[in-house]
Protein backbone atom coordinates (compact mmCIF):
# COMPACT_ATOMS: atom_id res chain seq x y z
CA MET A 1 103.73 99.72 93.63
CA LEU A 2 102.50 102.59 91.45
CA VAL A 3 99.47 102.59 89.26
CA ILE A 4 97.99 105.14 86.99
CA VAL A 5 94.26 105.18 86.40
CA ALA A 6 92.45 106.84 83.65
CA PRO A 7 88.84 107.81 84.09
CA GLY A 8 85.69 106.89 81.28
CA GLN A 9 82.74 108.69 80.39
CA GLY A 10 80.80 110.26 83.00
CA ALA A 11 83.67 111.88 85.08
CA GLN A 12 83.65 115.12 83.04
CA THR A 13 82.13 118.25 84.67
CA PRO A 14 81.74 121.62 82.87
CA GLY A 15 85.03 123.73 83.19
CA PHE A 16 87.29 121.28 84.93
CA LEU A 17 89.94 122.31 82.30
CA SER A 18 89.85 125.77 83.26
CA PRO A 19 92.81 126.33 85.92
CA TRP A 20 94.93 123.28 84.13
CA LEU A 21 94.87 125.80 80.91
CA GLU A 22 96.79 127.99 83.19
CA ILE A 23 100.15 125.97 82.58
CA PRO A 24 101.84 126.31 79.10
CA GLU A 25 102.34 123.17 77.94
CA PHE A 26 99.20 121.91 79.19
CA ARG A 27 97.47 124.07 77.26
CA ASP A 28 99.35 123.58 74.33
CA ARG A 29 99.17 119.85 73.88
CA ILE A 30 95.21 120.58 74.38
CA SER A 31 95.30 122.97 71.50
CA ALA A 32 97.46 120.96 69.01
CA TRP A 33 95.30 117.75 70.39
CA SER A 34 91.54 119.47 69.19
CA GLU A 35 93.12 119.62 65.67
CA ILE A 36 93.24 115.33 65.80
CA VAL A 37 89.86 114.69 66.94
CA GLU A 38 88.35 118.13 65.26
CA LEU A 39 87.03 119.55 68.58
CA ASP A 40 87.99 122.83 70.34
CA LEU A 41 88.52 120.95 73.68
CA VAL A 42 89.40 124.25 74.98
CA THR A 43 86.24 125.87 74.74
CA TYR A 44 84.92 122.19 75.94
CA GLY A 45 86.79 121.92 78.68
CA THR A 46 85.91 125.86 79.85
CA THR A 47 83.06 127.16 79.04
CA ALA A 48 80.78 124.39 77.69
CA GLY A 49 77.62 123.07 79.58
CA ALA A 50 76.93 119.81 80.87
CA ASP A 51 74.70 119.18 78.55
CA GLU A 52 77.23 120.07 75.66
CA ILE A 53 80.30 117.74 77.38
CA ARG A 54 77.47 114.51 77.77
CA ASP A 55 77.33 114.08 73.75
CA THR A 56 79.43 111.37 73.61
CA ALA A 57 81.66 112.60 70.78
CA VAL A 58 82.62 115.30 72.92
CA ALA A 59 83.26 113.40 76.28
CA GLN A 60 85.46 110.76 74.72
CA PRO A 61 88.06 113.01 72.96
CA LEU A 62 87.86 115.15 75.89
CA LEU A 63 88.50 112.76 78.86
CA VAL A 64 91.05 111.10 76.90
CA ALA A 65 92.65 114.43 76.19
CA ALA A 66 92.57 115.62 79.55
CA ALA A 67 93.91 112.67 80.88
CA LEU A 68 97.18 112.42 78.94
CA ALA A 69 97.78 115.74 79.27
CA SER A 70 97.53 115.65 83.46
CA PHE A 71 99.93 112.63 82.64
CA GLU A 72 102.82 114.33 81.31
CA THR A 73 102.56 117.45 83.08
CA LEU A 74 102.37 114.84 86.33
CA GLY A 75 105.94 113.39 84.94
CA VAL A 76 106.10 109.81 86.78
CA ARG A 77 106.50 106.71 85.40
CA PRO A 78 103.66 103.90 86.59
CA ASP A 79 104.90 100.26 87.12
CA MET A 80 101.21 99.47 86.32
CA VAL A 81 98.73 101.30 84.34
CA ALA A 82 94.49 101.15 83.74
CA GLY A 83 92.07 103.02 82.02
CA HIS A 84 88.10 102.76 82.58
CA SER A 85 85.86 102.26 79.43
CA VAL A 86 87.37 105.06 77.37
CA GLY A 87 90.34 105.57 79.77
CA GLU A 88 92.06 102.28 78.26
CA LEU A 89 93.06 104.38 75.15
CA ALA A 90 94.78 106.73 77.70
CA ALA A 91 96.32 103.99 79.28
CA ALA A 92 97.39 102.26 75.89
CA ALA A 93 99.34 105.33 75.55
CA ILE A 94 100.82 105.76 78.35
CA ALA A 95 101.95 101.96 78.63
CA GLY A 96 103.29 102.83 74.78
CA VAL A 97 100.73 100.28 72.80
CA LEU A 98 99.87 103.45 70.61
CA THR A 99 101.33 107.31 70.13
CA PRO A 100 99.07 110.06 72.17
CA GLU A 101 97.86 110.78 68.52
CA GLN A 102 97.07 107.52 67.51
CA ALA A 103 94.98 107.64 70.62
CA LEU A 104 93.33 110.83 69.93
CA VAL A 105 92.32 109.76 66.43
CA LEU A 106 90.66 106.16 67.71
CA VAL A 107 88.57 107.96 70.15
CA ARG A 108 87.56 110.64 67.87
CA GLU A 109 85.80 108.03 65.89
CA ARG A 110 84.87 105.85 68.97
CA GLY A 111 82.94 108.37 70.08
CA ARG A 112 81.75 109.42 66.76
CA ALA A 113 80.52 105.68 66.16
CA MET A 114 78.96 105.33 69.71
CA ALA A 115 77.10 108.57 69.34
CA LYS A 116 75.67 106.94 65.94
CA ALA A 117 75.05 103.68 67.52
CA ALA A 118 72.91 105.26 70.50
CA ALA A 119 70.74 107.40 68.48
CA VAL A 120 69.42 104.15 66.84
CA THR A 121 67.20 103.30 70.02
CA GLU A 122 66.65 105.05 73.32
CA THR A 123 68.90 103.65 75.39
CA GLY A 124 70.79 104.39 78.92
CA MET A 125 73.00 103.71 82.19
CA SER A 126 71.69 103.02 85.44
CA ALA A 127 74.12 102.67 88.94
CA VAL A 128 72.72 100.01 91.48
CA LEU A 129 74.69 100.86 94.69
CA GLY A 130 74.39 98.33 97.25
CA GLY A 131 72.22 94.70 98.01
CA ALA A 132 74.06 91.67 97.65
CA GLU A 133 75.74 91.04 94.09
CA GLU A 134 73.53 87.81 93.17
CA ASP A 135 70.32 89.74 93.54
CA VAL A 136 71.55 92.69 91.83
CA LEU A 137 72.76 90.38 88.85
CA ALA A 138 69.43 88.67 89.06
CA ALA A 139 67.29 91.57 88.65
CA ILE A 140 69.13 93.22 85.92
CA ASP A 141 68.63 89.76 83.91
CA LYS A 142 65.08 89.79 84.86
CA HIS A 143 64.70 92.83 83.06
CA GLY A 144 67.12 92.19 79.86
CA LEU A 145 69.48 94.49 81.07
CA THR A 146 73.17 94.08 81.13
CA PRO A 147 75.56 94.48 84.17
CA ALA A 148 77.72 97.21 81.40
CA ASN A 149 80.04 98.19 84.38
CA MET A 150 81.38 95.39 87.03
CA ASN A 151 82.95 97.90 89.05
CA GLY A 152 83.26 96.68 92.69
CA ALA A 153 82.54 98.29 96.15
CA GLY A 154 78.94 98.06 96.00
CA GLN A 155 78.22 99.28 92.83
CA ILE A 156 77.50 97.95 89.32
CA VAL A 157 76.00 99.78 85.84
CA ALA A 158 73.22 98.49 84.52
CA GLY A 159 72.25 99.77 80.72
CA GLY A 160 69.33 98.55 78.63
CA THR A 161 66.44 100.83 76.85
CA ARG A 162 65.37 103.29 78.71
CA ALA A 163 61.77 101.15 79.43
CA GLN A 164 63.88 98.62 80.94
CA LEU A 165 65.21 100.66 82.97
CA GLU A 166 62.26 102.12 83.99
CA ALA A 167 61.04 98.95 84.76
CA PHE A 168 64.40 98.09 86.82
CA ALA A 169 64.27 100.85 88.22
CA ALA A 170 60.38 100.43 89.71
CA GLU A 171 61.69 96.72 91.25
CA PRO A 172 65.02 97.48 92.27
CA PRO A 173 66.62 94.79 93.85
CA GLU A 174 66.68 93.84 97.68
CA LYS A 175 68.71 96.54 99.85
CA ALA A 176 69.69 98.65 96.78
CA ARG A 177 69.49 102.39 95.35
CA VAL A 178 69.24 102.68 91.70
CA ARG A 179 70.20 106.13 90.09
CA PRO A 180 69.97 106.74 86.18
CA LEU A 181 73.25 108.20 84.60
CA ALA A 182 73.31 111.30 82.55
CA VAL A 183 75.19 109.09 79.41
CA ALA A 184 73.53 109.12 75.96
CA GLY A 185 73.39 105.58 75.41
CA ALA A 186 73.47 101.70 76.59
CA PHE A 187 77.70 101.70 76.72
CA HIS A 188 79.27 98.18 77.03
CA THR A 189 76.05 96.41 75.61
CA VAL A 190 74.81 95.11 72.78
CA HIS A 191 73.92 97.94 71.39
CA MET A 192 76.95 99.17 70.46
CA ALA A 193 77.78 96.80 68.10
CA PRO A 194 77.76 98.69 65.26
CA ALA A 195 80.02 100.66 67.11
CA VAL A 196 82.81 97.68 67.41
CA ASP A 197 82.97 96.70 63.37
CA HIS A 198 83.72 100.72 62.88
CA LEU A 199 86.42 100.60 65.35
CA ARG A 200 87.77 97.68 64.46
CA ALA A 201 88.29 98.85 60.87
CA GLU A 202 89.49 102.11 61.86
CA ALA A 203 92.33 99.60 64.27
CA ALA A 204 93.14 97.89 61.34
CA ALA A 205 95.77 100.61 60.05
CA LEU A 206 97.57 100.84 63.27
CA THR A 207 100.61 98.79 64.22
CA PRO A 208 100.52 98.75 68.14
CA ALA A 209 103.50 98.38 70.48
CA ASP A 210 104.19 96.00 73.15
CA PRO A 211 103.50 97.73 76.51
CA SER A 212 106.17 99.30 78.50
CA VAL A 213 104.57 98.80 81.67
CA THR A 214 101.95 96.29 83.27
CA LEU A 215 98.26 97.13 81.37
CA LEU A 216 95.40 95.60 82.43
CA SER A 217 92.24 94.59 80.09
CA ASN A 218 88.92 95.71 81.27
CA ALA A 219 87.28 92.80 79.55
CA ASP A 220 88.67 90.54 82.86
CA GLY A 221 91.57 92.44 84.71
CA ALA A 222 93.86 90.79 83.30
CA ALA A 223 97.36 91.83 82.74
CA VAL A 224 98.51 92.01 78.75
CA ALA A 225 101.61 91.85 77.49
CA GLY A 226 101.00 92.12 73.33
CA GLY A 227 100.09 95.21 71.46
CA GLY A 228 98.53 93.36 69.29
CA GLU A 229 95.77 91.61 71.80
CA PHE A 230 95.21 94.47 73.91
CA LEU A 231 94.20 96.68 71.27
CA ASP A 232 91.50 93.82 69.88
CA ARG A 233 90.63 93.68 73.12
CA LEU A 234 90.31 97.20 73.57
CA VAL A 235 88.23 97.27 70.81
CA ASN A 236 85.56 94.61 71.43
CA GLN A 237 85.10 95.82 74.93
CA VAL A 238 82.87 98.76 73.55
CA ALA A 239 79.92 96.22 73.32
CA ASN A 240 80.78 94.13 76.12
CA PRO A 241 81.00 94.62 80.26
CA VAL A 242 83.75 96.83 81.74
CA ARG A 243 85.44 94.73 84.78
CA TRP A 244 86.83 97.02 86.55
CA ASP A 245 86.11 94.85 89.81
CA ALA A 246 88.37 92.54 88.56
CA CYS A 247 91.33 95.43 87.46
CA MET A 248 90.86 96.14 91.24
CA ALA A 249 91.83 92.39 92.30
CA THR A 250 94.41 92.23 89.76
CA MET A 251 96.34 95.54 91.72
CA ALA A 252 95.46 93.92 95.16
CA GLU A 253 97.41 90.60 94.18
CA ARG A 254 100.22 92.66 92.10
CA GLY A 255 101.09 94.33 95.40
CA VAL A 256 99.77 97.74 94.02
CA THR A 257 100.58 100.66 97.11
CA ALA A 258 99.20 103.76 95.56
CA MET A 259 97.28 104.69 92.48
CA ILE A 260 97.22 108.28 91.20
CA GLU A 261 94.02 109.32 89.11
CA LEU A 262 94.52 111.05 86.03
CA LEU A 263 92.47 114.41 85.09
CA PRO A 264 89.40 114.38 85.70
CA GLY A 265 89.98 112.26 88.45
CA GLY A 266 87.83 111.32 91.49
CA THR A 267 85.40 108.50 90.40
CA LEU A 268 88.15 105.53 90.49
CA THR A 269 89.74 106.34 93.79
CA GLY A 270 86.66 106.56 95.55
CA LEU A 271 85.75 102.87 94.46
CA ALA A 272 89.73 102.55 95.24
CA ARG A 273 89.03 103.36 98.71
CA ARG A 274 86.49 101.32 99.63
CA ALA A 275 87.71 97.86 97.76
CA LEU A 276 91.33 98.53 97.58
CA PRO A 277 92.43 99.14 101.52
CA GLY A 278 95.84 101.04 102.97
CA VAL A 279 96.36 102.01 99.40
CA LYS A 280 97.67 105.55 98.94
CA THR A 281 95.32 107.58 96.25
CA VAL A 282 95.60 110.79 94.86
CA ALA A 283 92.97 112.21 92.20
CA LEU A 284 94.28 115.35 90.05
CA LYS A 285 91.48 117.31 89.68
CA THR A 286 93.36 120.84 89.88
CA PRO A 287 96.89 121.68 89.32
CA ASP A 288 97.37 122.16 93.11
CA ASP A 289 96.91 118.05 93.03
CA LEU A 290 100.22 117.45 91.38
CA ASP A 291 102.42 117.38 94.07
CA THR A 292 100.42 115.77 96.53
CA ALA A 293 100.60 112.65 93.74
CA ARG A 294 104.47 113.22 93.58
CA GLU A 295 104.95 112.64 97.45
CA VAL A 296 102.78 109.24 97.56
CA LEU A 297 106.05 108.15 95.34
CA LYS A 298 108.34 108.95 98.71
């Protein structure tokens, strides 16, 4: 059983689109979608620096467009699909809940709204690596932070104000390392509530279809059968924690045997190698990975 997954914000690196744009069909898609998101995705994916593509309003459309274009180039139909954070919009399009164009309009608005919300208060996120889960969660709660990403494989991401994060780093949980993340705000926390309202208004104009393949939700790892329900969950998830650990638990329960992570791959397959032993994993980083990804199905 094959699951295709789409990465979330932070997976982007300078120039990651460069080798892919040598594929004419890929370049055509990115160019056309640039008009929808009102950004020059070719430039942002090739010559833009790390600070430019860290901007939430840029990073989110860039990631969703890259994931969808690499999925089309791969040409493989999955049995299951899931996305991490903003990757859920790519997953929704792959599963047929939204068209690619609808997903790109929504991610354009999501990125802008989350960037605006992040500008209200100086916030951020830090990854906590290792330590006992109960100790990590207790320390996060002690400092008034939110466990914004429960990623599994010994990784939890905390979100909150810069002051809270600095105090947390000065008093880390036992046997854990705290690593600040290069993101523009405390995503998936209460600080993103204004973005939820904006995205809900945008989503109200859509009529989503039911998914054509098994589609997992970040909210709790559940397989969601209704397109309307998934869209509601996708909107609410902006200000609520990502339960990627629960998504991987569902993958294990459903008997997933192979995982392909769409461009820019690496983060989610890295987690899977630790949490889903025995599952074949391939991360799409360059076009050379396409044949390797197709081979896992043989």
